[in-house]
C-alpha cells in the first residue's frame, strides 16, 4: 500500500534545503501552508539512499520543468489553440444559459 501526494503548485510555491537543527538538513517543497519534506532516514545507508533519491528527483524535476515550459510556449503562442478553447468555453456558457 502506498501514499500518493498530488501537488498542483500555486504562485509562490518553491523548494529549499533547510537546516532545522545543527547537522540536520531537509529538502522542503511547497509553501508555508502546504509542503512535503524529504529527510535522511536514521539507518545505515540512509545518506546514500537519500542522495540517490535527491539526484533522481532533481533530474526528473528538470525534465518536467522543461516539458512544462515547452507546453506553455506552445499553448501561449498558438492562436488556434486559444481560439479553440475560447470557442468551447463560449459554447458551454451558451448551452448552460439555454
Protein backbone atom coordinates (compact mmCIF):
# COMPACT_ATOMS: atom_id res chain seq x y z
CA UNK A 1 0.00 0.00 0.00
CA UNK A 2 1.40 3.39 -0.94
CA UNK A 3 0.66 7.01 -0.33
CA UNK A 4 0.33 9.29 -3.33
CA UNK A 5 0.61 13.03 -2.85
CA UNK A 6 -0.53 15.32 -5.66
CA UNK A 7 0.63 18.92 -5.69
CA UNK A 8 -0.74 21.48 -8.13
CA UNK A 9 1.61 24.40 -7.49
CA UNK A 10 0.37 27.94 -6.97
CA UNK A 11 2.28 31.19 -7.30
CA UNK A 12 4.86 31.31 -4.53
CA UNK A 13 5.49 27.58 -4.27
CA UNK A 14 9.16 26.64 -4.26
CA UNK A 15 11.78 24.33 -2.85
CA UNK A 16 14.71 24.82 -0.49
CA UNK A 17 17.18 22.96 1.66
CA UNK A 18 16.66 23.88 5.30
CA UNK A 19 18.53 23.08 8.48
CA UNK A 20 16.01 22.74 11.35
CA UNK A 21 18.82 21.89 13.78
CA UNK A 22 22.63 21.68 13.67
CA UNK A 23 23.82 18.85 11.45
CA UNK A 24 20.35 18.14 10.04
CA UNK A 25 19.21 19.09 6.56
CA UNK A 26 15.88 18.60 4.85
CA UNK A 27 14.56 19.21 1.35
CA UNK A 28 11.30 21.16 1.66
CA UNK A 29 8.99 21.83 -1.28
CA UNK A 30 5.67 23.63 -1.42
CA UNK A 31 4.59 26.70 0.52
CA UNK A 32 4.33 27.81 4.13
CA UNK A 33 0.83 26.32 4.33
CA UNK A 34 1.44 23.09 2.44
CA UNK A 35 4.73 21.28 1.92
CA UNK A 36 6.41 17.96 1.66
CA UNK A 37 9.74 17.22 3.30
CA UNK A 38 12.49 14.78 2.37
CA UNK A 39 14.56 13.66 5.36
CA UNK A 40 17.54 11.35 5.69
CA UNK A 41 16.46 8.10 7.37
CA UNK A 42 18.37 7.27 10.57
CA UNK A 43 19.84 4.00 9.38
CA UNK A 44 22.99 2.66 7.80
CA UNK A 45 22.98 3.62 4.13
CA UNK A 46 20.36 6.31 4.66
CA UNK A 47 22.60 9.14 3.47
CA UNK A 48 23.47 7.43 0.18
CA UNK A 49 19.89 6.28 -0.42
CA UNK A 50 18.70 9.85 0.12
CA UNK A 51 21.46 11.25 -2.10
CA UNK A 52 20.43 8.92 -4.94
CA UNK A 53 16.78 9.80 -4.42
CA UNK A 54 17.52 13.55 -4.43
CA UNK A 55 19.60 13.21 -7.62
CA UNK A 56 16.82 11.24 -9.28
CA UNK A 57 14.23 13.75 -8.11
CA UNK A 58 16.33 16.67 -9.41
CA UNK A 59 16.76 15.05 -12.83
CA UNK A 60 13.04 14.26 -13.11
CA UNK A 61 12.10 17.75 -11.90
CA UNK A 62 14.36 19.31 -14.53
CA UNK A 63 12.82 17.19 -17.29
CA UNK A 64 9.30 18.02 -16.08
CA UNK A 65 10.13 21.72 -15.86
CA UNK A 66 11.40 21.73 -19.45
CA UNK A 67 8.22 19.98 -20.62
CA UNK A 68 6.00 22.49 -18.77
CA UNK A 69 7.91 25.43 -20.26
CA UNK A 70 7.63 23.96 -23.78
CA UNK A 71 3.92 23.34 -23.32
CA UNK A 72 3.44 26.89 -22.03
CA UNK A 73 5.22 28.38 -25.05
CA UNK A 74 3.29 26.15 -27.44
CA UNK A 75 -0.08 26.84 -25.85
CA UNK A 76 0.55 30.54 -25.19
CA UNK A 77 1.55 31.35 -28.74
CA UNK A 78 -0.88 29.22 -30.67
CA UNK A 79 -3.86 31.36 -31.61
CA UNK A 80 -5.73 28.34 -32.97
CA UNK A 81 -5.33 26.56 -29.61
CA UNK A 82 -6.54 29.64 -27.70
CA UNK A 83 -9.38 30.21 -30.16
CA UNK A 84 -10.42 26.55 -29.88
CA UNK A 85 -10.67 26.74 -26.07
CA UNK A 86 -12.32 30.17 -26.16
CA UNK A 87 -14.93 28.89 -28.61
CA UNK A 88 -15.50 25.78 -26.48
CA UNK A 89 -15.98 27.93 -23.36
CA UNK A 90 -18.40 30.22 -25.20
CA UNK A 91 -20.38 27.20 -26.41
CA UNK A 92 -20.54 25.81 -22.86
CA UNK A 93 -21.85 29.10 -21.49
CA UNK A 94 -24.42 29.35 -24.30
CA UNK A 95 -25.64 25.80 -23.63
CA UNK A 96 -25.86 26.47 -19.89
CA UNK A 97 -27.91 29.61 -20.44
CA UNK A 98 -30.31 27.88 -22.89
